[in-house]
Amino acid sequence: MAHVTALYAALFALLFLFYSVQVVRQRKSARVSVGHNGNGRLERLARIHGNAAEYGPLILLLMALAELQSTSIYLIHAMGIALIAGRLLHAHGMAEGDRNLPFRVAGMLLTLLCLFAGAVILLLGVLRGL
Protein backbone atom coordinates (compact mmCIF):
# COMPACT_ATOMS: atom_id res chain seq x y z
CA MET A 1 0.00 0.00 0.00
CA ALA A 2 1.06 3.58 -0.62
CA HIS A 3 1.09 4.70 3.02
CA VAL A 4 2.70 8.10 2.48
CA THR A 5 0.28 9.01 -0.31
CA ALA A 6 -2.61 7.80 1.86
CA LEU A 7 -1.63 10.38 4.48
CA TYR A 8 -1.76 13.23 1.97
CA ALA A 9 -4.95 11.88 0.37
CA ALA A 10 -6.61 12.03 3.80
CA LEU A 11 -5.31 15.56 4.45
CA PHE A 12 -6.41 16.67 0.99
CA ALA A 13 -9.87 15.14 1.53
CA LEU A 14 -10.27 17.15 4.75
CA LEU A 15 -9.17 20.32 2.97
CA PHE A 16 -11.56 19.58 0.10
CA LEU A 17 -14.38 19.01 2.58
CA PHE A 18 -13.62 22.39 4.17
CA TYR A 19 -13.78 24.08 0.76
CA SER A 20 -17.04 22.25 -0.01
CA VAL A 21 -18.67 23.48 3.18
CA GLN A 22 -17.57 27.05 2.43
CA VAL A 23 -19.22 26.91 -1.00
CA VAL A 24 -22.43 25.43 0.41
CA ARG A 25 -22.62 28.07 3.15
CA GLN A 26 -22.06 30.89 0.65
CA ARG A 27 -24.68 29.43 -1.71
CA LYS A 28 -27.17 29.29 1.13
CA SER A 29 -26.33 32.81 2.28
CA ALA A 30 -26.56 34.24 -1.26
CA ARG A 31 -29.58 32.07 -2.14
CA VAL A 32 -27.90 30.79 -5.29
CA SER A 33 -28.32 27.12 -6.17
CA VAL A 34 -26.42 27.00 -9.50
CA GLY A 35 -23.65 29.22 -10.79
CA HIS A 36 -22.73 32.36 -8.87
CA ASN A 37 -25.40 34.86 -10.03
CA GLY A 38 -22.88 37.71 -9.99
CA ASN A 39 -21.81 37.00 -6.40
CA GLY A 40 -18.04 37.53 -6.49
CA ARG A 41 -17.36 35.76 -3.20
CA LEU A 42 -19.33 32.70 -4.29
CA GLU A 43 -17.52 32.67 -7.63
CA ARG A 44 -14.11 32.76 -5.91
CA LEU A 45 -15.05 30.05 -3.40
CA ALA A 46 -16.41 27.84 -6.18
CA ARG A 47 -13.15 28.24 -8.12
CA ILE A 48 -11.05 27.43 -5.04
CA HIS A 49 -13.10 24.26 -4.65
CA GLY A 50 -13.12 23.47 -8.37
CA ASN A 51 -9.42 24.06 -8.80
CA ALA A 52 -8.68 21.67 -5.94
CA ALA A 53 -10.97 19.09 -7.57
CA GLU A 54 -9.21 19.52 -10.91
CA TYR A 55 -5.62 19.10 -9.74
CA GLY A 56 -5.65 17.22 -6.42
CA PRO A 57 -6.86 13.78 -7.53
CA LEU A 58 -4.45 13.59 -10.47
CA ILE A 59 -1.49 14.60 -8.32
CA LEU A 60 -2.47 12.08 -5.65
CA LEU A 61 -2.69 9.38 -8.33
CA LEU A 62 0.77 10.31 -9.60
CA MET A 63 2.08 10.21 -6.03
CA ALA A 64 0.56 6.77 -5.38
CA LEU A 65 1.97 5.34 -8.59
CA ALA A 66 5.38 6.84 -7.85
CA GLU A 67 5.28 5.39 -4.34
CA LEU A 68 4.36 1.98 -5.76
CA GLN A 69 7.41 2.30 -8.05
CA SER A 70 9.51 2.55 -4.87
CA THR A 71 10.26 6.26 -5.29
CA SER A 72 11.93 7.76 -2.23
CA ILE A 73 9.37 8.47 0.49
CA TYR A 74 11.07 11.81 1.02
CA LEU A 75 10.22 12.79 -2.52
CA ILE A 76 6.63 11.58 -2.04
CA HIS A 77 6.43 13.61 1.20
CA ALA A 78 7.79 16.66 -0.65
CA MET A 79 5.10 16.30 -3.29
CA GLY A 80 2.39 15.87 -0.66
CA ILE A 81 3.52 18.88 1.31
CA ALA A 82 3.75 20.93 -1.89
CA LEU A 83 0.24 19.82 -2.91
CA ILE A 84 -1.33 20.82 0.41
CA ALA A 85 0.68 24.04 0.69
CA GLY A 86 -0.09 24.89 -2.92
CA ARG A 87 -3.82 24.47 -2.43
CA LEU A 88 -3.76 26.55 0.76
CA LEU A 89 -1.73 29.33 -0.86
CA HIS A 90 -3.99 29.31 -3.91
CA ALA A 91 -7.10 29.53 -1.73
CA HIS A 92 -5.65 32.42 0.25
CA GLY A 93 -4.76 34.19 -2.97
CA MET A 94 -8.23 33.66 -4.45
CA ALA A 95 -10.25 34.49 -1.34
CA GLU A 96 -9.66 38.24 -1.50
CA GLY A 97 -9.65 38.74 -5.26
CA ASP A 98 -6.54 40.15 -6.94
CA ARG A 99 -5.25 41.68 -3.72
CA ASN A 100 -3.35 38.51 -2.80
CA LEU A 101 -2.23 37.54 -6.31
CA PRO A 102 1.31 36.49 -5.25
CA PHE A 103 -0.20 33.78 -3.00
CA ARG A 104 -2.37 32.53 -5.84
CA VAL A 105 0.62 32.40 -8.21
CA ALA A 106 2.77 30.62 -5.62
CA GLY A 107 0.00 28.09 -5.01
CA MET A 108 -0.37 27.33 -8.69
CA LEU A 109 3.39 27.06 -9.17
CA LEU A 110 3.62 24.49 -6.36
CA THR A 111 0.69 22.58 -7.81
CA LEU A 112 2.14 22.58 -11.33
CA LEU A 113 5.53 21.55 -9.94
CA CYS A 114 3.85 18.51 -8.33
CA LEU A 115 2.18 17.64 -11.60
CA PHE A 116 5.45 17.94 -13.52
CA ALA A 117 7.50 16.06 -10.90
CA GLY A 118 4.98 13.24 -10.75
CA ALA A 119 4.96 12.85 -14.53
CA VAL A 120 8.77 12.87 -14.75
CA ILE A 121 9.16 10.40 -11.87
CA LEU A 122 6.74 7.97 -13.48
CA LEU A 123 8.29 8.31 -16.94
CA LEU A 124 11.75 7.66 -15.53
CA GLY A 125 10.44 4.65 -13.65
CA VAL A 126 8.87 3.25 -16.80
CA LEU A 127 12.05 3.83 -18.81
CA ARG A 128 14.11 2.10 -16.12
CA GLY A 129 11.81 -0.91 -16.38
CA LEU A 130 12.22 -1.28 -20.15
C-alpha atoms as a PDB file:
ATOM      1  CA  MET A   1       0.000   0.000   0.000  1.00  0.00           C
ATOM      2  CA  ALA A   2       1.057   3.580  -0.622  1.00  0.00           C
ATOM      3  CA  HIS A   3       1.092   4.702   3.020  1.00  0.00           C
ATOM      4  CA  VAL A   4       2.695   8.097   2.478  1.00  0.00           C
ATOM      5  CA  THR A   5       0.280   9.007  -0.307  1.00  0.00           C
ATOM      6  CA  ALA A   6      -2.606   7.799   1.858  1.00  0.00           C
ATOM      7  CA  LEU A   7      -1.632  10.381   4.481  1.00  0.00           C
ATOM      8  CA  TYR A   8      -1.762  13.232   1.966  1.00  0.00           C
ATOM      9  CA  ALA A   9      -4.953  11.884   0.374  1.00  0.00           C
ATOM     10  CA  ALA A  10      -6.612  12.031   3.798  1.00  0.00           C
ATOM     11  CA  LEU A  11      -5.314  15.563   4.453  1.00  0.00           C
ATOM     12  CA  PHE A  12      -6.409  16.665   0.986  1.00  0.00           C
ATOM     13  CA  ALA A  13      -9.867  15.138   1.534  1.00  0.00           C
ATOM     14  CA  LEU A  14     -10.274  17.154   4.747  1.00  0.00           C
ATOM     15  CA  LEU A  15      -9.167  20.322   2.970  1.00  0.00           C
ATOM     16  CA  PHE A  16     -11.562  19.581   0.101  1.00  0.00           C
ATOM     17  CA  LEU A  17     -14.384  19.014   2.583  1.00  0.00           C
ATOM     18  CA  PHE A  18     -13.621  22.393   4.166  1.00  0.00           C
ATOM     19  CA  TYR A  19     -13.782  24.082   0.760  1.00  0.00           C
ATOM     20  CA  SER A  20     -17.037  22.250  -0.008  1.00  0.00           C
ATOM     21  CA  VAL A  21     -18.669  23.482   3.184  1.00  0.00           C
ATOM     22  CA  GLN A  22     -17.567  27.052   2.428  1.00  0.00           C
ATOM     23  CA  VAL A  23     -19.222  26.909  -0.999  1.00  0.00           C
ATOM     24  CA  VAL A  24     -22.433  25.426   0.406  1.00  0.00           C
ATOM     25  CA  ARG A  25     -22.624  28.074   3.148  1.00  0.00           C
ATOM     26  CA  GLN A  26     -22.056  30.888   0.655  1.00  0.00           C
ATOM     27  CA  ARG A  27     -24.677  29.434  -1.710  1.00  0.00           C
ATOM     28  CA  LYS A  28     -27.170  29.293   1.134  1.00  0.00           C
ATOM     29  CA  SER A  29     -26.328  32.814   2.278  1.00  0.00           C
ATOM     30  CA  ALA A  30     -26.557  34.238  -1.264  1.00  0.00           C
ATOM     31  CA  ARG A  31     -29.582  32.070  -2.136  1.00  0.00           C
ATOM     32  CA  VAL A  32     -27.898  30.795  -5.288  1.00  0.00           C
ATOM     33  CA  SER A  33     -28.316  27.118  -6.170  1.00  0.00           C
ATOM     34  CA  VAL A  34     -26.421  26.998  -9.501  1.00  0.00           C
ATOM     35  CA  GLY A  35     -23.650  29.223 -10.790  1.00  0.00           C
ATOM     36  CA  HIS A  36     -22.733  32.363  -8.870  1.00  0.00           C
ATOM     37  CA  ASN A  37     -25.397  34.858 -10.033  1.00  0.00           C
ATOM     38  CA  GLY A  38     -22.875  37.707  -9.991  1.00  0.00           C
ATOM     39  CA  ASN A  39     -21.809  37.001  -6.397  1.00  0.00           C
ATOM     40  CA  GLY A  40     -18.036  37.531  -6.486  1.00  0.00           C
ATOM     41  CA  ARG A  41     -17.356  35.763  -3.200  1.00  0.00           C
ATOM     42  CA  LEU A  42     -19.325  32.695  -4.292  1.00  0.00           C
ATOM     43  CA  GLU A  43     -17.523  32.665  -7.628  1.00  0.00           C
ATOM     44  CA  ARG A  44     -14.106  32.764  -5.912  1.00  0.00           C
ATOM     45  CA  LEU A  45     -15.047  30.047  -3.397  1.00  0.00           C
ATOM     46  CA  ALA A  46     -16.407  27.841  -6.178  1.00  0.00           C
ATOM     47  CA  ARG A  47     -13.151  28.241  -8.120  1.00  0.00           C
ATOM     48  CA  ILE A  48     -11.049  27.435  -5.045  1.00  0.00           C
ATOM     49  CA  HIS A  49     -13.100  24.259  -4.650  1.00  0.00           C
ATOM     50  CA  GLY A  50     -13.125  23.472  -8.369  1.00  0.00           C
ATOM     51  CA  ASN A  51      -9.416  24.063  -8.800  1.00  0.00           C
ATOM     52  CA  ALA A  52      -8.678  21.665  -5.944  1.00  0.00           C
ATOM     53  CA  ALA A  53     -10.967  19.091  -7.575  1.00  0.00           C
ATOM     54  CA  GLU A  54      -9.213  19.523 -10.914  1.00  0.00           C
ATOM     55  CA  TYR A  55      -5.623  19.104  -9.736  1.00  0.00           C
ATOM     56  CA  GLY A  56      -5.648  17.225  -6.417  1.00  0.00           C
ATOM     57  CA  PRO A  57      -6.865  13.783  -7.528  1.00  0.00           C
ATOM     58  CA  LEU A  58      -4.450  13.586 -10.474  1.00  0.00           C
ATOM     59  CA  ILE A  59      -1.493  14.601  -8.322  1.00  0.00           C
ATOM     60  CA  LEU A  60      -2.468  12.085  -5.648  1.00  0.00           C
ATOM     61  CA  LEU A  61      -2.691   9.384  -8.326  1.00  0.00           C
ATOM     62  CA  LEU A  62       0.773  10.306  -9.596  1.00  0.00           C
ATOM     63  CA  MET A  63       2.077  10.210  -6.030  1.00  0.00           C
ATOM     64  CA  ALA A  64       0.560   6.773  -5.378  1.00  0.00           C
ATOM     65  CA  LEU A  65       1.970   5.337  -8.594  1.00  0.00           C
ATOM     66  CA  ALA A  66       5.382   6.838  -7.846  1.00  0.00           C
ATOM     67  CA  GLU A  67       5.277   5.386  -4.342  1.00  0.00           C
ATOM     68  CA  LEU A  68       4.363   1.981  -5.760  1.00  0.00           C
ATOM     69  CA  GLN A  69       7.410   2.298  -8.050  1.00  0.00           C
ATOM     70  CA  SER A  70       9.507   2.553  -4.865  1.00  0.00           C
ATOM     71  CA  THR A  71      10.260   6.263  -5.289  1.00  0.00           C
ATOM     72  CA  SER A  72      11.926   7.763  -2.225  1.00  0.00           C
ATOM     73  CA  ILE A  73       9.370   8.466   0.485  1.00  0.00           C
ATOM     74  CA  TYR A  74      11.073  11.810   1.023  1.00  0.00           C
ATOM     75  CA  LEU A  75      10.218  12.793  -2.523  1.00  0.00           C
ATOM     76  CA  ILE A  76       6.631  11.584  -2.037  1.00  0.00           C
ATOM     77  CA  HIS A  77       6.431  13.614   1.198  1.00  0.00           C
ATOM     78  CA  ALA A  78       7.792  16.660  -0.647  1.00  0.00           C
ATOM     79  CA  MET A  79       5.099  16.295  -3.293  1.00  0.00           C
ATOM     80  CA  GLY A  80       2.389  15.867  -0.659  1.00  0.00           C
ATOM     81  CA  ILE A  81       3.523  18.885   1.309  1.00  0.00           C
ATOM     82  CA  ALA A  82       3.746  20.931  -1.890  1.00  0.00           C
ATOM     83  CA  LEU A  83       0.243  19.818  -2.908  1.00  0.00           C
ATOM     84  CA  ILE A  84      -1.332  20.818   0.408  1.00  0.00           C
ATOM     85  CA  ALA A  85       0.684  24.035   0.686  1.00  0.00           C
ATOM     86  CA  GLY A  86      -0.089  24.895  -2.917  1.00  0.00           C
ATOM     87  CA  ARG A  87      -3.816  24.471  -2.434  1.00  0.00           C
ATOM     88  CA  LEU A  88      -3.758  26.550   0.763  1.00  0.00           C
ATOM     89  CA  LEU A  89      -1.733  29.325  -0.862  1.00  0.00           C
ATOM     90  CA  HIS A  90      -3.987  29.309  -3.908  1.00  0.00           C
ATOM     91  CA  ALA A  91      -7.104  29.533  -1.734  1.00  0.00           C
ATOM     92  CA  HIS A  92      -5.648  32.416   0.248  1.00  0.00           C
ATOM     93  CA  GLY A  93      -4.765  34.192  -2.970  1.00  0.00           C
ATOM     94  CA  MET A  94      -8.230  33.662  -4.447  1.00  0.00           C
ATOM     95  CA  ALA A  95     -10.247  34.491  -1.338  1.00  0.00           C
ATOM     96  CA  GLU A  96      -9.661  38.243  -1.495  1.00  0.00           C
ATOM     97  CA  GLY A  97      -9.649  38.740  -5.256  1.00  0.00           C
ATOM     98  CA  ASP A  98      -6.541  40.146  -6.937  1.00  0.00           C
ATOM     99  CA  ARG A  99      -5.248  41.677  -3.716  1.00  0.00           C
ATOM    100  CA  ASN A 100      -3.346  38.507  -2.805  1.00  0.00           C
ATOM    101  CA  LEU A 101      -2.231  37.540  -6.312  1.00  0.00           C
ATOM    102  CA  PRO A 102       1.310  36.490  -5.249  1.00  0.00           C
ATOM    103  CA  PHE A 103      -0.195  33.779  -3.000  1.00  0.00           C
ATOM    104  CA  ARG A 104      -2.373  32.533  -5.844  1.00  0.00           C
ATOM    105  CA  VAL A 105       0.615  32.405  -8.207  1.00  0.00           C
ATOM    106  CA  ALA A 106       2.772  30.615  -5.616  1.00  0.00           C
ATOM    107  CA  GLY A 107      -0.001  28.092  -5.013  1.00  0.00           C
ATOM    108  CA  MET A 108      -0.373  27.332  -8.688  1.00  0.00           C
ATOM    109  CA  LEU A 109       3.392  27.058  -9.165  1.00  0.00           C
ATOM    110  CA  LEU A 110       3.621  24.493  -6.358  1.00  0.00           C
ATOM    111  CA  THR A 111       0.691  22.576  -7.814  1.00  0.00           C
ATOM    112  CA  LEU A 112       2.137  22.578 -11.330  1.00  0.00           C
ATOM    113  CA  LEU A 113       5.528  21.551  -9.937  1.00  0.00           C
ATOM    114  CA  CYS A 114       3.849  18.514  -8.329  1.00  0.00           C
ATOM    115  CA  LEU A 115       2.178  17.639 -11.601  1.00  0.00           C
ATOM    116  CA  PHE A 116       5.453  17.941 -13.516  1.00  0.00           C
ATOM    117  CA  ALA A 117       7.497  16.059 -10.898  1.00  0.00           C
ATOM    118  CA  GLY A 118       4.976  13.241 -10.752  1.00  0.00           C
ATOM    119  CA  ALA A 119       4.959  12.852 -14.526  1.00  0.00           C
ATOM    120  CA  VAL A 120       8.767  12.866 -14.755  1.00  0.00           C
ATOM    121  CA  ILE A 121       9.159  10.404 -11.873  1.00  0.00           C
ATOM    122  CA  LEU A 122       6.735   7.969 -13.483  1.00  0.00           C
ATOM    123  CA  LEU A 123       8.287   8.307 -16.941  1.00  0.00           C
ATOM    124  CA  LEU A 124      11.753   7.656 -15.530  1.00  0.00           C
ATOM    125  CA  GLY A 125      10.436   4.654 -13.653  1.00  0.00           C
ATOM    126  CA  VAL A 126       8.869   3.254 -16.801  1.00  0.00           C
ATOM    127  CA  LEU A 127      12.051   3.831 -18.811  1.00  0.00           C
ATOM    128  CA  ARG A 128      14.115   2.100 -16.117  1.00  0.00           C
ATOM    129  CA  GLY A 129      11.806  -0.907 -16.382  1.00  0.00           C
ATOM    130  CA  LEU A 130      12.215  -1.284 -20.152  1.00  0.00           C
END
